[in-house]
Amino acid sequence: MFGPQVALYSELLSTGVRFSGASLGYQVGSVFGGGLALLITAALLHATGAGWSIAAYMTGLGLISLLSITLLRAHANAASRRQLA
């Protein structure tokens, strides 16, 4: 996972903000993706008493990831067209 992330960040961000942008993205993603996920799933299980709520939460996160990848691809395509022009 970390190898492709490095290549992705280096292509997305300009050299002036590449290091801080990659670091900020990684650190914020770690907090929200890793730290809060346990609290949210525990709260969902406590509130509903069923595993379906956790499955719905994970499905929602997967949909957000797919949307992000789609938007990222569109951004990368637009950036490469600008460089060719």
Protein backbone atom coordinates (compact mmCIF):
# COMPACT_ATOMS: atom_id res chain seq x y z
CA MET A 1 0.00 0.00 0.00
CA PHE A 2 2.76 2.46 0.84
CA GLY A 3 4.76 2.03 -2.38
CA PRO A 4 1.95 3.13 -4.70
CA GLN A 5 1.03 5.94 -2.31
CA VAL A 6 4.46 7.51 -2.70
CA ALA A 7 4.18 7.47 -6.49
CA LEU A 8 0.63 8.83 -6.33
CA TYR A 9 1.53 11.74 -4.05
CA SER A 10 4.59 12.65 -6.08
CA GLU A 11 2.52 12.89 -9.26
CA LEU A 12 -0.39 14.76 -7.69
CA LEU A 13 1.47 17.42 -5.76
CA SER A 14 3.87 20.05 -7.02
CA THR A 15 7.42 20.08 -5.71
CA GLY A 16 6.73 23.07 -3.44
CA VAL A 17 4.15 21.26 -1.34
CA ARG A 18 4.89 17.61 -2.04
CA PHE A 19 6.53 16.69 1.25
CA SER A 20 4.07 18.46 3.54
CA GLY A 21 1.06 17.46 1.41
CA ALA A 22 2.00 13.79 1.44
CA SER A 23 2.69 13.88 5.15
CA LEU A 24 -0.54 15.68 5.96
CA GLY A 25 -2.58 13.27 3.84
CA TYR A 26 -0.96 10.26 5.44
CA GLN A 27 -1.29 11.50 9.02
CA VAL A 28 -4.89 12.71 8.73
CA GLY A 29 -5.84 9.49 6.94
CA SER A 30 -4.29 7.45 9.73
CA VAL A 31 -6.24 9.30 12.40
CA PHE A 32 -9.60 9.06 10.67
CA GLY A 33 -9.11 5.65 9.10
CA GLY A 34 -7.45 3.88 11.97
CA GLY A 35 -8.22 5.73 15.15
CA LEU A 36 -11.85 6.62 14.76
CA ALA A 37 -12.90 3.39 13.02
CA LEU A 38 -12.67 1.39 16.24
CA LEU A 39 -14.70 3.92 18.20
CA ILE A 40 -17.34 4.16 15.49
CA THR A 41 -17.74 0.41 15.10
CA ALA A 42 -17.98 -0.08 18.87
CA ALA A 43 -20.61 2.64 19.10
CA LEU A 44 -22.58 1.13 16.21
CA LEU A 45 -22.49 -2.33 17.76
CA HIS A 46 -23.55 -0.93 21.13
CA ALA A 47 -26.39 1.13 19.60
CA THR A 48 -27.83 -1.56 17.33
CA GLY A 49 -26.63 -4.80 18.86
CA ALA A 50 -26.15 -6.25 15.39
CA GLY A 51 -23.27 -6.66 12.99
CA TRP A 52 -25.21 -5.29 10.02
CA SER A 53 -24.54 -1.73 11.18
CA ILE A 54 -20.80 -2.33 11.04
CA ALA A 55 -21.19 -3.90 7.60
CA ALA A 56 -23.15 -0.85 6.44
CA TYR A 57 -20.45 1.44 7.84
CA MET A 58 -17.72 -0.49 6.01
CA THR A 59 -19.77 -0.45 2.81
CA GLY A 60 -20.12 3.32 3.12
CA LEU A 61 -16.37 3.68 3.54
CA GLY A 62 -15.82 1.52 0.47
CA LEU A 63 -18.16 3.72 -1.56
CA ILE A 64 -16.31 6.83 -0.40
CA SER A 65 -13.05 5.19 -1.50
CA LEU A 66 -14.47 4.39 -4.94
CA LEU A 67 -15.71 7.95 -5.34
CA SER A 68 -12.31 9.29 -4.30
CA ILE A 69 -10.50 7.09 -6.80
CA THR A 70 -12.87 8.19 -9.57
CA LEU A 71 -12.36 11.86 -8.78
CA LEU A 72 -8.62 11.36 -8.44
CA ARG A 73 -8.45 9.74 -11.87
CA ALA A 74 -10.37 12.65 -13.40
CA HIS A 75 -8.01 15.12 -11.70
CA ALA A 76 -4.93 13.24 -12.89
CA ASN A 77 -6.23 13.08 -16.47
CA ALA A 78 -6.92 16.82 -16.49
CA ALA A 79 -3.45 17.54 -15.07
CA SER A 80 -1.74 15.40 -17.70
CA ARG A 81 -3.69 17.16 -20.47
CA ARG A 82 -2.52 20.54 -19.13
CA GLN A 83 1.11 19.36 -19.16
CA LEU A 84 0.84 18.21 -22.78
CA ALA A 85 -0.61 21.49 -23.94
